Amino acid sequence: MTHVAFQPARFGALQLRNRIVMAPMTRRMAGEDGLATDAIRVYYARRAEQEVGLVISEGTGVDSLHAHDTLTVPRFETPAQHEAWRAVADAVHEAGGAFAPQLWHCGRNAADPIGPSGGPLPPRHGYERAPVRAMEADDFTQVLEAYRCAASAACAIGCDALEIHGAHGYLLDSFLGPNNQRSDDYGGSPEARMRFPLEVVRTVRAAVEAEFPVIYRFSQWTLSDYGEQKWTTPDELGQWVTALKDAGVDLLHVSTRDALDPGFAGSEKTLAGWSRELSGLPVIAVGKVSVTLSMDQAYGEERDFVTDPAGSLALIESGEADLVAVGRALIANPDWVRVVREGGWRDLKAFDASILADLH
């Protein structure tokens, strides 16, 4: 019998040939004009041709002001940029896959950083960084409009869904964590900290068709603190995921360092499993699927190895997740779906960061 992960599935208007997702992975390989290039189109189409069910793009900046960290991050702002992504979506469709752009705002990690609170940033990759500017009323309005325009365009150019990047310490996530020192309506209590991310969700929901699927990606960990825990109990997590559902999210993408790690002490259930149970929404699980290193280790000197993805796929069988997203392993192995489905996971190539320089 074919594993349920490789069987067709439907989530509202999102019809998929299987439950395998290409995880969003930043590569910074667009033109400085923010256009998705032919090479980007070929990159995504190749994974779709190799039977990935849902392709989620790398993070695409929602504006040219503060959303990107480098000029070569693709953007989702202008008509020309939208048309370039239409070509990507069309290529994925021609190969039998579904496509969702990830709408991204780097916030504190942007080239021109803004966030809930101001202050200096430590050097990153050996480079000094400009201090963060605390967002003011005009900034909130501008960011909401950028998300509205990007979401409307994603629907108009024929994408099958979109994902809001609300994880890893970027703008929306930073409102939930310790970097938020505001004392106004956007800081302090859990409800106030959630206010702006939820405003973004409601803005996106209103900008797309009623049945158009909206995915929200969130995480405990951030780029500056891989051990951060925003939700220390299931009740705290439940308040968050229920609020996302009520604001209009259709699927949750739960980003963890390891998809199989327990979500909370004293329980074997994963963070994806808890999120699914508490929200009633379908969930994408992600983290170390068929690789041995976590994200904070993968780009250093340690060597990555191939591992059996059966445990991650079993999350679907057990009802803890509805889909599984594959990241670095799918960069190294465009044919990951076929190889794993046919039982040949030992033949997968290990991920090596050096392959990013000549990726196709």
Protein backbone atom coordinates (compact mmCIF):
# COMPACT_ATOMS: atom_id res chain seq x y z
CA MET A 1 0.00 0.00 0.00
CA THR A 2 1.26 3.47 -0.86
CA HIS A 3 1.97 5.60 2.21
CA VAL A 4 -0.77 8.18 2.75
CA ALA A 5 1.87 10.90 2.35
CA PHE A 6 2.09 10.06 -1.35
CA GLN A 7 -1.65 9.95 -1.99
CA PRO A 8 -3.76 12.89 -3.26
CA ALA A 9 -5.25 15.21 -0.66
CA ARG A 10 -7.50 18.24 -0.54
CA PHE A 11 -7.56 21.08 1.98
CA GLY A 12 -10.43 23.36 1.12
CA ALA A 13 -9.68 24.78 -2.32
CA LEU A 14 -6.11 23.44 -2.23
CA GLN A 15 -6.00 20.23 -4.29
CA LEU A 16 -2.66 18.37 -4.06
CA ARG A 17 -1.35 15.22 -5.74
CA ASN A 18 0.40 14.26 -2.49
CA ARG A 19 1.18 15.63 0.97
CA ILE A 20 4.84 16.50 0.34
CA VAL A 21 5.67 20.21 0.46
CA MET A 22 8.76 22.00 -0.76
CA ALA A 23 9.73 24.10 2.24
CA PRO A 24 10.52 27.80 1.67
CA MET A 25 14.29 28.26 1.54
CA THR A 26 15.94 31.65 1.12
CA ARG A 27 18.65 31.70 -1.57
CA ARG A 28 19.07 35.40 -2.54
CA MET A 29 19.52 34.63 -6.24
CA ALA A 30 17.14 37.09 -7.90
CA GLY A 31 18.20 40.11 -9.91
CA GLU A 32 18.79 43.31 -7.96
CA ASP A 33 15.48 44.49 -9.43
CA GLY A 34 13.78 41.81 -7.34
CA LEU A 35 12.64 39.82 -10.38
CA ALA A 36 12.38 36.03 -10.24
CA THR A 37 14.74 34.92 -13.00
CA ASP A 38 14.45 32.10 -15.55
CA ALA A 39 16.84 30.12 -13.33
CA ILE A 40 14.42 30.51 -10.42
CA ARG A 41 11.55 29.33 -12.62
CA VAL A 42 13.54 26.26 -13.69
CA TYR A 43 14.53 25.52 -10.07
CA TYR A 44 10.94 25.34 -8.87
CA ALA A 45 9.61 23.63 -11.99
CA ARG A 46 12.22 20.89 -11.63
CA ARG A 47 10.96 19.98 -8.14
CA ALA A 48 7.37 20.03 -9.37
CA GLU A 49 8.34 17.77 -12.29
CA GLN A 50 9.73 15.36 -9.70
CA GLU A 51 6.27 15.13 -8.07
CA VAL A 52 6.39 17.58 -5.14
CA GLY A 53 2.76 18.27 -4.21
CA LEU A 54 2.98 21.88 -3.02
CA VAL A 55 5.87 24.21 -3.82
CA ILE A 56 6.26 27.11 -1.38
CA SER A 57 8.65 29.73 -2.68
CA GLU A 58 11.58 31.22 -0.89
CA GLY A 59 10.73 34.35 1.05
CA THR A 60 9.62 37.16 -1.27
CA GLY A 61 9.88 40.72 0.03
CA VAL A 62 6.54 42.52 0.21
CA ASP A 63 8.16 45.93 -0.34
CA SER A 64 11.42 47.62 -1.36
CA LEU A 65 11.69 49.70 1.81
CA HIS A 66 12.34 47.41 4.74
CA ALA A 67 11.20 43.92 3.78
CA HIS A 68 14.38 42.47 2.26
CA ASP A 69 17.84 41.91 3.73
CA THR A 70 19.69 42.05 0.38
CA LEU A 71 18.75 43.38 -3.06
CA THR A 72 18.93 39.88 -4.55
CA VAL A 73 16.00 38.67 -2.45
CA PRO A 74 13.10 38.28 -4.91
CA ARG A 75 10.22 40.63 -4.26
CA PHE A 76 6.46 40.55 -4.74
CA GLU A 77 5.73 44.25 -5.10
CA THR A 78 5.62 45.56 -8.67
CA PRO A 79 3.66 44.41 -11.74
CA ALA A 80 6.91 43.20 -13.35
CA GLN A 81 7.75 41.16 -10.27
CA HIS A 82 4.24 39.73 -10.20
CA GLU A 83 4.52 38.67 -13.84
CA ALA A 84 7.85 36.98 -13.18
CA TRP A 85 6.20 34.96 -10.41
CA ARG A 86 3.26 34.19 -12.72
CA ALA A 87 5.78 32.43 -14.99
CA VAL A 88 7.00 30.39 -12.01
CA ALA A 89 3.46 29.45 -10.98
CA ASP A 90 2.60 28.48 -14.57
CA ALA A 91 5.70 26.27 -14.82
CA VAL A 92 4.85 24.51 -11.55
CA HIS A 93 1.26 23.98 -12.76
CA GLU A 94 2.45 22.57 -16.07
CA ALA A 95 4.46 20.02 -14.09
CA GLY A 96 1.43 19.00 -12.05
CA GLY A 97 2.23 20.81 -8.80
CA ALA A 98 0.60 23.57 -6.77
CA PHE A 99 2.38 26.84 -5.99
CA ALA A 100 2.30 29.30 -3.08
CA PRO A 101 4.58 32.35 -2.73
CA GLN A 102 5.85 33.10 0.76
CA LEU A 103 5.25 36.74 1.69
CA TRP A 104 8.16 37.93 3.81
CA HIS A 105 9.16 40.98 5.80
CA CYS A 106 12.60 40.75 7.42
CA GLY A 107 11.87 43.45 10.00
CA ARG A 108 14.76 43.58 12.47
CA ASN A 109 16.89 41.56 10.06
CA ALA A 110 16.29 43.81 7.04
CA ALA A 111 18.94 45.90 5.32
CA ASP A 112 17.10 48.94 6.69
CA PRO A 113 15.68 47.36 9.86
CA ILE A 114 12.41 48.21 11.56
CA GLY A 115 10.65 46.38 14.36
CA PRO A 116 8.38 46.70 17.35
CA SER A 117 11.19 48.35 19.34
CA GLY A 118 14.39 50.16 18.43
CA GLY A 119 17.98 49.50 19.42
CA PRO A 120 21.38 48.27 18.19
CA LEU A 121 21.94 44.90 16.55
CA PRO A 122 24.98 42.65 17.00
CA PRO A 123 27.20 42.09 13.92
CA ARG A 124 26.06 39.28 11.63
CA HIS A 125 28.40 37.25 9.43
CA GLY A 126 31.14 39.71 10.44
CA TYR A 127 29.27 42.80 9.23
CA GLU A 128 28.06 45.71 11.30
CA ARG A 129 24.31 46.32 11.07
CA ALA A 130 22.25 49.48 11.25
CA PRO A 131 20.24 49.90 14.45
CA VAL A 132 16.58 48.93 14.44
CA ARG A 133 14.05 51.75 14.22
CA ALA A 134 10.87 51.32 16.23
CA MET A 135 7.78 51.28 14.04
CA GLU A 136 5.48 54.29 14.13
CA ALA A 137 1.89 54.71 12.94
CA ASP A 138 2.87 55.32 9.29
CA ASP A 139 5.02 52.18 9.28
CA PHE A 140 2.13 50.00 10.40
CA THR A 141 -0.04 51.44 7.64
CA GLN A 142 2.69 50.99 5.01
CA VAL A 143 3.42 47.37 5.93
CA LEU A 144 -0.26 46.42 5.96
CA GLU A 145 -0.69 47.95 2.51
CA ALA A 146 2.35 46.07 1.21
CA TYR A 147 0.89 42.77 2.42
CA ARG A 148 -2.51 43.66 0.95
CA CYS A 149 -1.04 44.37 -2.49
CA ALA A 150 1.13 41.25 -2.47
CA ALA A 151 -1.74 39.02 -1.40
CA SER A 152 -4.07 40.44 -4.02
CA ALA A 153 -1.45 39.86 -6.71
CA ALA A 154 -0.80 36.28 -5.60
CA CYS A 155 -4.46 35.53 -6.09
CA ALA A 156 -4.64 37.41 -9.41
CA ILE A 157 -1.67 35.67 -11.08
CA GLY A 158 -3.04 32.20 -10.45
CA CYS A 159 -1.21 30.99 -7.35
CA ASP A 160 -2.92 28.15 -5.48
CA ALA A 161 -2.30 29.62 -2.02
CA LEU A 162 0.04 32.00 -0.24
CA GLU A 163 2.09 31.75 2.91
CA ILE A 164 2.67 34.53 5.44
CA HIS A 165 6.14 34.20 6.97
CA GLY A 166 5.55 34.77 10.66
CA ALA A 167 8.53 32.82 12.04
CA HIS A 168 12.23 32.91 12.96
CA GLY A 169 12.48 36.40 14.43
CA TYR A 170 11.42 38.31 11.33
CA LEU A 171 8.98 41.20 11.54
CA LEU A 172 5.74 39.50 12.53
CA ASP A 173 7.45 37.03 14.85
CA SER A 174 9.38 39.81 16.59
CA PHE A 175 6.14 41.21 17.98
CA LEU A 176 5.63 37.97 19.92
CA GLY A 177 9.11 37.71 21.43
CA PRO A 178 11.33 39.53 23.94
CA ASN A 179 12.45 42.18 21.41
CA ASN A 180 9.00 43.74 21.71
CA GLN A 181 9.33 46.33 24.48
CA ARG A 182 6.35 48.44 23.43
CA SER A 183 3.89 49.75 25.99
CA ASP A 184 1.14 50.74 23.53
CA ASP A 185 -1.55 48.60 21.86
CA TYR A 186 1.13 46.42 20.22
CA GLY A 187 3.10 45.36 23.29
CA GLY A 188 2.77 44.07 26.80
CA SER A 189 0.01 41.45 27.14
CA PRO A 190 -0.13 38.38 24.89
CA GLU A 191 -3.21 39.84 23.20
CA ALA A 192 -1.39 43.10 22.42
CA ARG A 193 1.71 41.29 21.12
CA MET A 194 -0.47 39.26 18.77
CA ARG A 195 -2.31 42.33 17.50
CA PHE A 196 -0.12 43.28 14.53
CA PRO A 197 0.49 39.76 13.15
CA LEU A 198 -3.27 39.22 13.30
CA GLU A 199 -3.90 42.54 11.57
CA VAL A 200 -1.66 41.31 8.75
CA VAL A 201 -3.62 38.05 8.53
CA ARG A 202 -6.95 39.88 8.39
CA THR A 203 -5.60 42.27 5.76
CA VAL A 204 -4.39 39.37 3.61
CA ARG A 205 -7.63 37.45 4.10
CA ALA A 206 -9.66 40.45 2.92
CA ALA A 207 -7.43 40.94 -0.14
CA VAL A 208 -7.95 37.46 -1.63
CA GLU A 209 -10.94 35.44 -2.74
CA ALA A 210 -12.99 33.81 0.00
CA GLU A 211 -11.80 30.28 -0.80
CA PHE A 212 -8.16 31.20 -1.49
CA PRO A 213 -5.98 29.31 1.04
CA VAL A 214 -3.84 31.34 3.45
CA ILE A 215 -0.97 29.53 5.20
CA TYR A 216 0.79 30.99 8.25
CA ARG A 217 4.30 29.88 9.23
CA PHE A 218 5.39 30.29 12.84
CA SER A 219 8.11 28.98 15.12
CA GLN A 220 9.35 28.91 18.67
CA TRP A 221 12.99 29.50 17.59
CA THR A 222 14.52 32.59 16.03
CA LEU A 223 17.73 33.21 14.12
CA SER A 224 19.22 34.92 17.17
CA ASP A 225 17.98 32.37 19.71
CA TYR A 226 17.46 28.77 18.60
CA GLY A 227 16.23 27.91 22.08
CA GLU A 228 13.55 30.61 22.36
CA GLN A 229 10.12 29.51 23.59
CA LYS A 230 7.29 31.94 23.02
CA TRP A 231 4.68 29.46 24.24
CA THR A 232 5.65 27.50 27.33
CA THR A 233 2.36 25.61 27.74
CA PRO A 234 -0.29 24.16 25.43
CA ASP A 235 -2.76 26.76 26.73
CA GLU A 236 -0.49 29.60 25.56
CA LEU A 237 -0.05 27.97 22.16
CA GLY A 238 -3.78 27.39 21.95
CA GLN A 239 -4.51 31.09 22.39
CA TRP A 240 -2.17 31.85 19.46
CA VAL A 241 -3.30 29.22 16.96
CA THR A 242 -6.97 29.83 17.72
CA ALA A 243 -6.47 33.53 17.08
CA LEU A 244 -4.80 32.75 13.74
CA LYS A 245 -7.75 30.56 12.77
CA ASP A 246 -10.27 33.21 13.78
CA ALA A 247 -8.36 35.84 11.74
CA GLY A 248 -8.64 33.75 8.57
CA VAL A 249 -5.71 31.32 8.40
CA ASP A 250 -6.50 28.02 6.64
CA LEU A 251 -3.31 26.02 7.25
CA LEU A 252 -0.55 26.26 9.86
CA HIS A 253 3.10 25.70 8.96
CA VAL A 254 4.85 24.81 12.21
CA SER A 255 8.60 25.35 11.87
CA THR A 256 10.73 23.40 14.35
CA ARG A 257 14.40 22.46 14.53
CA ASP A 258 13.27 18.82 14.38
CA ALA A 259 9.75 17.87 13.35
CA LEU A 260 9.83 14.95 15.80
CA ASP A 261 10.81 16.92 18.92
CA PRO A 262 8.18 17.10 21.68
CA GLY A 263 6.35 20.40 21.71
CA PHE A 264 6.37 20.70 25.50
CA ALA A 265 8.05 19.01 28.43
CA GLY A 266 6.10 16.05 29.75
CA SER A 267 4.42 15.24 26.44
CA GLU A 268 5.66 13.28 23.42
CA LYS A 269 3.32 15.17 21.10
CA THR A 270 5.10 17.41 18.61
CA LEU A 271 4.51 21.14 18.25
CA ALA A 272 2.73 20.37 14.98
CA GLY A 273 0.53 17.85 16.75
CA TRP A 274 -0.36 20.29 19.50
CA SER A 275 -1.09 23.02 16.96
CA ARG A 276 -3.39 20.75 14.99
CA GLU A 277 -5.26 19.58 18.07
CA LEU A 278 -5.67 23.04 19.57
CA SER A 279 -6.71 24.84 16.37
CA GLY A 280 -8.55 22.19 14.39
CA LEU A 281 -6.63 23.39 11.31
CA PRO A 282 -4.56 21.26 8.94
CA VAL A 283 -0.86 21.49 9.74
CA ILE A 284 2.43 21.29 7.84
CA ALA A 285 5.27 19.80 9.89
CA VAL A 286 8.87 20.69 9.04
CA GLY A 287 12.33 20.24 10.55
CA LYS A 288 15.25 17.88 9.77
CA VAL A 289 13.28 15.67 7.39
CA SER A 290 15.82 13.07 6.13
CA VAL A 291 18.82 15.16 7.25
CA THR A 292 20.79 14.93 10.50
CA LEU A 293 21.73 18.56 11.18
CA SER A 294 19.41 21.33 12.35
CA MET A 295 19.35 24.71 10.63
CA ASP A 296 21.85 26.31 13.01
CA GLN A 297 24.34 23.52 12.26
CA ALA A 298 23.80 22.95 8.56
CA TYR A 299 25.83 25.86 7.22
CA GLY A 300 28.90 25.37 9.41
CA GLU A 301 31.73 22.86 9.35
CA GLU A 302 29.75 19.84 10.49
CA ARG A 303 28.90 17.25 7.86
CA ASP A 304 25.27 16.43 7.17
CA PHE A 305 24.10 12.86 6.62
CA VAL A 306 21.05 11.19 5.13
CA THR A 307 18.52 9.69 7.52
CA ASP A 308 15.26 7.76 7.18
CA PRO A 309 12.27 10.14 6.77
CA ALA A 310 9.84 7.45 7.99
CA GLY A 311 9.46 9.08 11.40
CA SER A 312 8.47 12.42 9.91
CA LEU A 313 6.06 10.81 7.43
CA ALA A 314 4.52 8.85 10.32
CA LEU A 315 3.27 12.16 11.73
CA ILE A 316 0.71 12.09 8.92
CA GLU A 317 -0.31 8.51 9.71
CA SER A 318 -0.69 9.30 13.42
CA GLY A 319 -2.74 12.44 12.82
CA GLU A 320 -0.17 14.90 14.22
CA ALA A 321 0.31 16.54 10.81
CA ASP A 322 -1.44 16.69 7.46
CA LEU A 323 1.57 17.51 5.29
CA VAL A 324 5.36 17.29 5.67
CA ALA A 325 7.68 19.94 4.26
CA VAL A 326 11.12 18.95 3.00
CA GLY A 327 13.85 21.58 2.82
CA ARG A 328 17.57 20.96 2.43
CA ALA A 329 17.07 17.35 1.37
CA LEU A 330 14.95 18.55 -1.55
CA ILE A 331 17.66 21.01 -2.58
CA ALA A 332 20.14 18.13 -2.77
CA ASN A 333 17.60 15.70 -4.26
CA PRO A 334 14.99 17.17 -6.63
CA ASP A 335 13.70 13.58 -7.04
CA TRP A 336 13.19 13.14 -3.27
CA VAL A 337 9.51 12.20 -3.59
CA ARG A 338 10.12 9.36 -6.05
CA VAL A 339 13.21 8.03 -4.27
CA VAL A 340 11.54 7.91 -0.86
CA ARG A 341 8.24 6.57 -2.21
CA GLU A 342 10.13 3.69 -3.83
CA GLY A 343 11.98 2.88 -0.60
CA GLY A 344 15.40 4.13 -1.69
CA TRP A 345 16.04 6.83 0.92
CA ARG A 346 19.57 5.48 1.51
CA ASP A 347 20.39 6.60 -2.04
CA LEU A 348 19.61 10.24 -1.26
CA LYS A 349 22.51 12.69 -1.47
CA ALA A 350 23.50 14.49 1.71
CA PHE A 351 22.99 18.24 1.79
CA ASP A 352 26.10 20.38 1.46
CA ALA A 353 25.88 24.17 1.54
CA SER A 354 28.39 24.38 -1.32
CA ILE A 355 25.75 23.15 -3.79
CA LEU A 356 23.86 26.42 -3.36
CA ALA A 357 26.42 28.15 -5.58
CA ASP A 358 25.40 26.04 -8.60
CA LEU A 359 21.81 25.15 -7.86
CA HIS A 360 19.23 24.09 -10.39
